[in-house]
Amino acid sequence: MVTTEAGECNQLQRLPPVLDVVVTDPIISRFADRLMTGAPDHRWHFVADAAPEESFPAMTTADVVVCSRLDSRQAAACGARLVQVTGAGLDRVAVGALPAETAVTNTFHHERPIAEHVLMCILALTRRLPSVSGELRHGTWRTIATDGHVPLHRTLDTMTLGLVGFGGIGSATASLAHAVGMEVVAVRNRPDVPVPDGTCPRWVGGISELPRLLAESDVVVITVPLSPATEGMIGSAELAAMREDALLINVARGPVVDQSALYAALRDGSIGGAAIDVWWGAPESGRTPPADFPFVDLPNVLATPHYSGHARSTFELRADDIAENVNRLAQGQALRNRVR
């Protein structure tokens, strides 16, 4: 009997600790059941709707903070062993202000939804879907049979898609584009890295070959992360290098593209059109969408509210990643998608 009790005691000592997990992100909080089912042995605290005087102390004492944004004050006071970012981007998280011993991880799963969004935008713009639908709603039936000025649209298999950035989103977009017959070209920081199966680009070059990509592409898709090196990388010179009927689709971050130069190119017809899913700042009264120019007044612009990756599968799979990392931290295992 004594032996059994000692064995049970040792077994209890080997059990992983119970962690306090504080979730501040309101979107991933909608998947609380999935998070708690994935890591049921821990204490989950959902504080997205809590007042600052309640949420801030919880963040300072948590073992894990699950967030989409973390300012420098919050980061400096954070005592967590792990900050789990609920998306891919780190530009809203003050990573540098966190204690040196705090691990940082992120998660993805938005690649396929964004790739589908890109193809949808190409079809909508090339077939003038917003304007044609608007005309018909107002009683105007205008086709090549009734108006000789109506342009004929192109099919996807006659077009070249140029990717500025060839990471997860770029690769998923390339796979779909190739599947429907588009030619694919790309530039990225490390052109020597093997390309993923199924992407089949005609060529992949370094960032120095951006002018070549712009000149060859019917559709230019921006997928690079925002950084000091990429901010404003698409400006007047780059837009002037594009074909007159080419489309620009930005699913990265707004400031990668110079908004003044883009507005002028779209207004003057220097390029054919644009699909803008990411903007220049946060929406606010009188500035929604957040831009300094009236892009939504232009007929060749497709405007969406940064929603291209918002598929249910995106957040379900992110919740699974987060729960797995909580378990891994408790068990002393290597974390997934560790960025620091």
Protein backbone atom coordinates (compact mmCIF):
# COMPACT_ATOMS: atom_id res chain seq x y z
CA MET A 1 0.00 0.00 0.00
CA VAL A 2 2.79 2.40 0.82
CA THR A 3 4.44 1.63 -2.54
CA THR A 4 1.22 2.40 -4.43
CA GLU A 5 0.76 5.74 -2.68
CA ALA A 6 4.33 6.75 -3.43
CA GLY A 7 3.84 5.78 -7.08
CA GLU A 8 0.68 7.86 -7.29
CA CYS A 9 2.50 10.79 -5.70
CA ASN A 10 5.31 10.57 -8.24
CA GLN A 11 2.77 10.39 -11.04
CA LEU A 12 1.04 13.51 -9.78
CA GLN A 13 4.37 15.31 -9.64
CA ARG A 14 4.91 14.50 -13.32
CA LEU A 15 1.60 16.01 -14.43
CA PRO A 16 2.01 19.23 -16.43
CA PRO A 17 1.06 22.44 -14.64
CA VAL A 18 -2.29 24.13 -15.05
CA LEU A 19 -1.76 27.42 -16.91
CA ASP A 20 -3.69 30.68 -16.71
CA VAL A 21 -4.49 31.73 -20.27
CA VAL A 22 -5.79 35.26 -20.88
CA VAL A 23 -7.44 35.93 -24.26
CA THR A 24 -7.82 39.58 -25.29
CA ASP A 25 -8.64 39.12 -28.98
CA PRO A 26 -12.41 39.45 -29.55
CA ILE A 27 -12.42 37.45 -32.79
CA ILE A 28 -10.67 34.33 -31.51
CA SER A 29 -12.81 34.63 -28.35
CA ARG A 30 -15.77 33.65 -30.53
CA PHE A 31 -14.11 30.24 -30.76
CA ALA A 32 -13.78 29.83 -27.00
CA ASP A 33 -15.37 26.37 -27.04
CA ARG A 34 -12.78 25.13 -29.53
CA LEU A 35 -9.92 26.64 -27.54
CA MET A 36 -11.07 25.11 -24.26
CA THR A 37 -11.81 21.76 -25.88
CA GLY A 38 -8.31 21.70 -27.36
CA ALA A 39 -6.65 22.53 -24.03
CA PRO A 40 -9.18 21.54 -21.37
CA ASP A 41 -6.80 21.24 -18.44
CA HIS A 42 -6.06 24.94 -18.19
CA ARG A 43 -7.81 28.04 -16.86
CA TRP A 44 -9.10 30.23 -19.69
CA HIS A 45 -9.96 33.90 -19.10
CA PHE A 46 -11.68 35.78 -21.92
CA VAL A 47 -11.31 39.52 -21.28
CA ALA A 48 -11.91 41.09 -24.71
CA ASP A 49 -15.01 42.85 -23.40
CA ALA A 50 -13.58 43.65 -19.98
CA ALA A 51 -12.72 47.14 -18.79
CA PRO A 52 -9.00 48.05 -18.90
CA GLU A 53 -8.75 48.01 -15.11
CA GLU A 54 -9.79 44.34 -15.22
CA SER A 55 -8.00 43.12 -18.34
CA PHE A 56 -4.63 44.76 -17.69
CA PRO A 57 -3.95 43.04 -14.32
CA ALA A 58 -5.03 39.72 -15.82
CA MET A 59 -2.44 40.13 -18.59
CA THR A 60 0.35 40.90 -16.10
CA THR A 61 -0.17 37.68 -14.14
CA ALA A 62 -1.08 35.24 -16.94
CA ASP A 63 1.09 32.35 -18.04
CA VAL A 64 -0.11 32.81 -21.62
CA VAL A 65 -1.50 35.93 -23.30
CA VAL A 66 -3.46 35.33 -26.52
CA CYS A 67 -3.78 38.60 -28.44
CA SER A 68 -3.91 40.32 -31.80
CA ARG A 69 -2.37 43.52 -30.49
CA LEU A 70 -0.22 44.47 -27.52
CA ASP A 71 1.04 47.98 -26.95
CA SER A 72 4.40 48.80 -25.39
CA ARG A 73 2.93 49.50 -21.94
CA GLN A 74 1.11 46.18 -21.88
CA ALA A 75 4.14 44.34 -23.21
CA ALA A 76 6.50 45.84 -20.62
CA ALA A 77 4.17 44.75 -17.79
CA CYS A 78 3.55 41.31 -19.25
CA GLY A 79 4.89 38.45 -17.14
CA ALA A 80 3.67 35.68 -19.43
CA ARG A 81 5.85 32.79 -20.48
CA LEU A 82 4.17 32.92 -23.90
CA VAL A 83 2.52 35.60 -26.00
CA GLN A 84 0.49 33.83 -28.67
CA VAL A 85 -0.44 36.16 -31.51
CA THR A 86 -3.76 35.20 -33.10
CA GLY A 87 -2.66 35.93 -36.67
CA ALA A 88 0.44 36.09 -38.82
CA GLY A 89 1.37 39.76 -38.54
CA LEU A 90 3.44 41.14 -35.66
CA ASP A 91 3.21 44.82 -36.60
CA ARG A 92 0.58 45.48 -33.89
CA VAL A 93 2.48 43.67 -31.14
CA ALA A 94 5.30 45.43 -29.29
CA VAL A 95 7.55 42.38 -29.34
CA GLY A 96 10.64 44.38 -28.45
CA ALA A 97 9.07 45.62 -25.20
CA LEU A 98 8.35 42.12 -23.89
CA PRO A 99 10.63 40.56 -21.26
CA ALA A 100 13.50 38.68 -22.84
CA GLU A 101 12.30 35.33 -21.48
CA THR A 102 8.81 35.62 -23.02
CA ALA A 103 8.33 33.42 -26.08
CA VAL A 104 6.27 34.75 -29.01
CA THR A 105 4.37 32.58 -31.49
CA ASN A 106 1.96 33.29 -34.32
CA THR A 107 -0.46 31.35 -36.50
CA PHE A 108 -1.69 31.40 -40.10
CA HIS A 109 -4.35 29.40 -42.04
CA HIS A 110 -5.56 32.45 -44.01
CA GLU A 111 -3.65 31.55 -47.17
CA ARG A 112 -6.38 29.70 -49.07
CA PRO A 113 -9.18 32.19 -48.26
CA ILE A 114 -7.01 35.10 -49.39
CA ALA A 115 -6.02 33.28 -52.57
CA GLU A 116 -9.70 32.74 -53.38
CA HIS A 117 -10.34 36.43 -52.70
CA VAL A 118 -7.62 37.37 -55.19
CA LEU A 119 -9.19 35.29 -57.96
CA MET A 120 -12.62 36.69 -57.13
CA CYS A 121 -11.27 40.23 -57.47
CA ILE A 122 -9.60 39.49 -60.79
CA LEU A 123 -12.86 38.17 -62.22
CA ALA A 124 -14.95 40.98 -60.73
CA LEU A 125 -12.66 43.70 -62.10
CA THR A 126 -12.02 42.23 -65.53
CA ARG A 127 -15.74 41.61 -66.06
CA ARG A 128 -16.66 45.02 -64.55
CA LEU A 129 -19.01 43.29 -62.13
CA PRO A 130 -19.77 46.25 -59.80
CA SER A 131 -20.62 48.69 -62.61
CA VAL A 132 -22.50 46.16 -64.76
CA SER A 133 -24.58 45.03 -61.80
CA GLY A 134 -25.27 48.66 -60.89
CA GLU A 135 -26.39 49.50 -64.43
CA LEU A 136 -28.80 46.59 -64.56
CA ARG A 137 -30.25 47.42 -61.13
CA HIS A 138 -31.08 50.85 -62.55
CA GLY A 139 -32.75 49.41 -65.64
CA THR A 140 -29.91 49.65 -68.16
CA TRP A 141 -29.21 46.58 -70.33
CA ARG A 142 -25.81 47.28 -71.87
CA THR A 143 -23.79 44.60 -73.65
CA ILE A 144 -21.71 44.36 -76.82
CA ALA A 145 -25.00 43.67 -78.63
CA THR A 146 -26.45 47.06 -77.63
CA ASP A 147 -23.35 49.24 -77.33
CA GLY A 148 -20.23 48.95 -79.46
CA HIS A 149 -18.14 50.64 -76.78
CA VAL A 150 -18.63 47.84 -74.25
CA PRO A 151 -15.30 46.00 -73.91
CA LEU A 152 -14.90 42.25 -74.26
CA HIS A 153 -13.44 40.61 -71.18
CA ARG A 154 -10.51 38.22 -71.01
CA THR A 155 -10.39 34.72 -69.63
CA LEU A 156 -7.95 33.88 -66.87
CA ASP A 157 -5.89 31.53 -69.03
CA THR A 158 -4.76 34.47 -71.17
CA MET A 159 -3.34 36.39 -68.24
CA THR A 160 -0.10 36.56 -66.26
CA LEU A 161 -0.24 36.98 -62.50
CA GLY A 162 2.72 38.62 -60.80
CA LEU A 163 3.29 38.02 -57.11
CA VAL A 164 5.23 40.53 -55.02
CA GLY A 165 6.09 38.14 -52.21
CA PHE A 166 6.02 34.38 -52.45
CA GLY A 167 5.37 33.13 -48.93
CA GLY A 168 2.28 31.27 -47.75
CA ILE A 169 -0.29 33.63 -49.32
CA GLY A 170 1.69 33.99 -52.52
CA SER A 171 2.12 30.24 -52.86
CA ALA A 172 -1.58 29.54 -52.28
CA THR A 173 -2.49 32.21 -54.83
CA ALA A 174 -0.02 30.78 -57.33
CA SER A 175 -1.52 27.29 -56.94
CA LEU A 176 -5.05 28.51 -57.65
CA ALA A 177 -3.91 30.75 -60.49
CA HIS A 178 -1.99 27.91 -62.12
CA ALA A 179 -5.01 25.59 -61.73
CA VAL A 180 -7.17 27.95 -63.81
CA GLY A 181 -4.51 28.39 -66.49
CA MET A 182 -2.82 31.65 -65.51
CA GLU A 183 0.91 32.09 -65.92
CA VAL A 184 2.63 32.99 -62.67
CA VAL A 185 5.79 35.04 -62.04
CA ALA A 186 7.07 36.15 -58.66
CA VAL A 187 9.70 38.14 -56.79
CA ARG A 188 10.82 37.58 -53.21
CA ASN A 189 13.77 38.17 -50.92
CA ARG A 190 15.21 34.68 -51.38
CA PRO A 191 14.63 33.56 -54.97
CA ASP A 192 16.92 30.55 -54.52
CA VAL A 193 14.55 28.78 -52.08
CA PRO A 194 12.70 25.87 -53.77
CA VAL A 195 9.14 26.72 -54.77
CA PRO A 196 6.26 24.75 -53.21
CA ASP A 197 4.71 21.91 -55.20
CA GLY A 198 1.77 22.92 -57.36
CA THR A 199 2.73 26.58 -57.73
CA CYS A 200 4.52 26.20 -61.10
CA PRO A 201 5.82 29.76 -61.59
CA ARG A 202 7.39 30.58 -64.94
CA TRP A 203 10.14 32.39 -63.04
CA VAL A 204 10.95 33.58 -59.54
CA GLY A 205 13.37 36.44 -59.09
CA GLY A 206 14.75 38.65 -56.38
CA ILE A 207 13.20 41.98 -55.41
CA SER A 208 15.59 43.66 -57.86
CA GLU A 209 13.55 42.08 -60.66
CA LEU A 210 10.35 43.86 -59.60
CA PRO A 211 10.42 46.11 -62.72
CA ARG A 212 10.42 43.02 -64.94
CA LEU A 213 7.49 41.54 -63.04
CA LEU A 214 5.51 44.77 -63.28
CA ALA A 215 6.08 44.99 -67.03
CA GLU A 216 5.04 41.37 -67.69
CA SER A 217 2.01 41.05 -65.42
CA ASP A 218 -1.66 41.57 -66.18
CA VAL A 219 -2.37 41.33 -62.44
CA VAL A 220 0.07 42.37 -59.70
CA VAL A 221 -0.68 40.95 -56.24
CA ILE A 222 1.00 42.41 -53.15
CA THR A 223 1.59 39.80 -50.41
CA VAL A 224 4.77 41.00 -48.65
CA PRO A 225 4.71 41.79 -44.91
CA LEU A 226 4.93 45.43 -43.85
CA SER A 227 8.42 46.43 -42.73
CA PRO A 228 10.73 49.42 -43.15
CA ALA A 229 12.02 47.72 -46.31
CA THR A 230 8.57 47.25 -47.87
CA GLU A 231 6.78 50.44 -46.80
CA GLY A 232 6.08 52.45 -49.95
CA MET A 233 7.75 49.88 -52.22
CA ILE A 234 4.97 50.37 -54.79
CA GLY A 235 5.09 54.05 -55.69
CA SER A 236 4.80 56.25 -58.78
CA ALA A 237 7.70 54.64 -60.63
CA GLU A 238 6.43 51.11 -60.01
CA LEU A 239 2.87 51.96 -61.03
CA ALA A 240 4.18 53.64 -64.18
CA ALA A 241 6.01 50.42 -65.02
CA MET A 242 2.75 48.43 -65.03
CA ARG A 243 0.68 47.83 -68.15
CA GLU A 244 -2.05 50.35 -68.83
CA ASP A 245 -4.79 47.74 -68.37
CA ALA A 246 -3.10 45.89 -65.49
CA LEU A 247 -4.73 45.36 -62.11
CA LEU A 248 -3.18 45.86 -58.67
CA ILE A 249 -4.48 43.74 -55.79
CA ASN A 250 -3.23 44.48 -52.28
CA VAL A 251 -3.88 41.85 -49.60
CA ALA A 252 -0.74 42.66 -47.56
CA ARG A 253 -0.77 45.98 -45.71
CA GLY A 254 -1.91 49.36 -47.01
CA PRO A 255 1.37 51.28 -46.51
CA VAL A 256 3.25 48.89 -48.81
CA VAL A 257 1.61 50.95 -51.58
CA ASP A 258 1.93 54.74 -51.75
CA GLN A 259 -1.70 55.81 -51.63
CA SER A 260 -1.22 59.15 -53.37
CA ALA A 261 0.54 57.50 -56.30
CA LEU A 262 -2.07 54.73 -56.48
CA TYR A 263 -4.99 57.15 -56.47
CA ALA A 264 -3.42 59.22 -59.26
CA ALA A 265 -2.74 56.11 -61.38
CA LEU A 266 -6.31 54.88 -60.97
CA ARG A 267 -7.88 58.30 -61.53
CA ASP A 268 -5.82 59.00 -64.64
CA GLY A 269 -6.14 55.51 -66.10
CA SER A 270 -2.43 54.72 -65.89
CA ILE A 271 -3.46 51.25 -64.69
CA GLY A 272 -6.68 49.38 -65.27
CA GLY A 273 -7.96 49.00 -61.74
CA ALA A 274 -7.28 47.93 -58.19
CA ALA A 275 -8.72 45.74 -55.47
CA ILE A 276 -7.91 47.18 -52.05
CA ASP A 277 -8.52 44.96 -49.02
CA VAL A 278 -5.96 46.63 -46.75
CA TRP A 279 -5.86 50.35 -46.01
CA TRP A 280 -3.82 53.13 -44.47
CA GLY A 281 -4.66 53.14 -40.77
CA ALA A 282 -7.80 52.33 -38.81
CA PRO A 283 -11.34 53.33 -39.83
CA GLU A 284 -12.84 56.30 -38.04
CA SER A 285 -15.66 58.77 -38.49
CA GLY A 286 -15.16 60.62 -41.76
CA ARG A 287 -12.33 58.33 -42.80
CA THR A 288 -13.91 55.01 -43.66
CA PRO A 289 -12.37 53.37 -45.52
CA PRO A 290 -9.17 54.75 -43.97
CA ALA A 291 -7.47 56.57 -46.82
CA ASP A 292 -6.55 60.17 -47.63
CA PHE A 293 -8.09 59.95 -51.10
CA PRO A 294 -11.62 59.01 -52.28
CA PHE A 295 -10.78 55.60 -53.73
CA VAL A 296 -14.38 54.42 -53.36
CA ASP A 297 -15.54 57.10 -55.81
CA LEU A 298 -13.47 55.55 -58.61
CA PRO A 299 -15.30 53.06 -60.87
CA ASN A 300 -12.18 50.91 -61.33
CA VAL A 301 -11.71 50.19 -57.61
CA LEU A 302 -13.00 47.19 -55.68
CA ALA A 303 -12.97 48.07 -51.97
CA THR A 304 -13.28 45.54 -49.13
CA PRO A 305 -12.80 45.96 -45.34
CA HIS A 306 -9.69 43.80 -44.76
CA TYR A 307 -11.79 40.66 -44.79
CA SER A 308 -10.11 38.51 -47.44
CA GLY A 309 -8.87 35.92 -44.93
CA HIS A 310 -12.01 35.77 -42.80
CA ALA A 311 -13.13 32.24 -43.55
CA ARG A 312 -14.48 30.10 -40.72
CA SER A 313 -11.70 27.59 -41.34
CA THR A 314 -9.10 30.30 -40.73
CA PHE A 315 -10.15 30.86 -37.13
CA GLU A 316 -11.02 27.25 -36.34
CA LEU A 317 -7.53 26.16 -37.34
CA ARG A 318 -5.95 29.11 -35.53
CA ALA A 319 -7.81 28.11 -32.38
CA ASP A 320 -6.39 24.60 -32.77
CA ASP A 321 -2.86 26.00 -33.09
CA ILE A 322 -3.31 28.16 -29.99
CA ALA A 323 -4.66 25.30 -27.88
CA GLU A 324 -1.80 23.08 -29.04
CA ASN A 325 0.81 25.67 -28.03
CA VAL A 326 -0.78 26.04 -24.59
CA ASN A 327 -0.49 22.28 -24.16
CA ARG A 328 3.06 22.25 -25.48
CA LEU A 329 4.11 25.01 -23.09
CA ALA A 330 2.64 23.12 -20.14
CA GLN A 331 4.41 19.92 -21.18
CA GLY A 332 7.76 21.57 -21.86
CA GLN A 333 7.66 20.80 -25.59
CA ALA A 334 8.83 22.94 -28.51
CA LEU A 335 6.30 25.58 -29.52
CA ARG A 336 4.82 25.79 -33.00
CA ASN A 337 5.50 28.85 -35.17
CA ARG A 338 7.89 30.39 -32.67
CA VAL A 339 9.08 33.78 -33.88
CA ARG A 340 11.01 34.72 -30.72
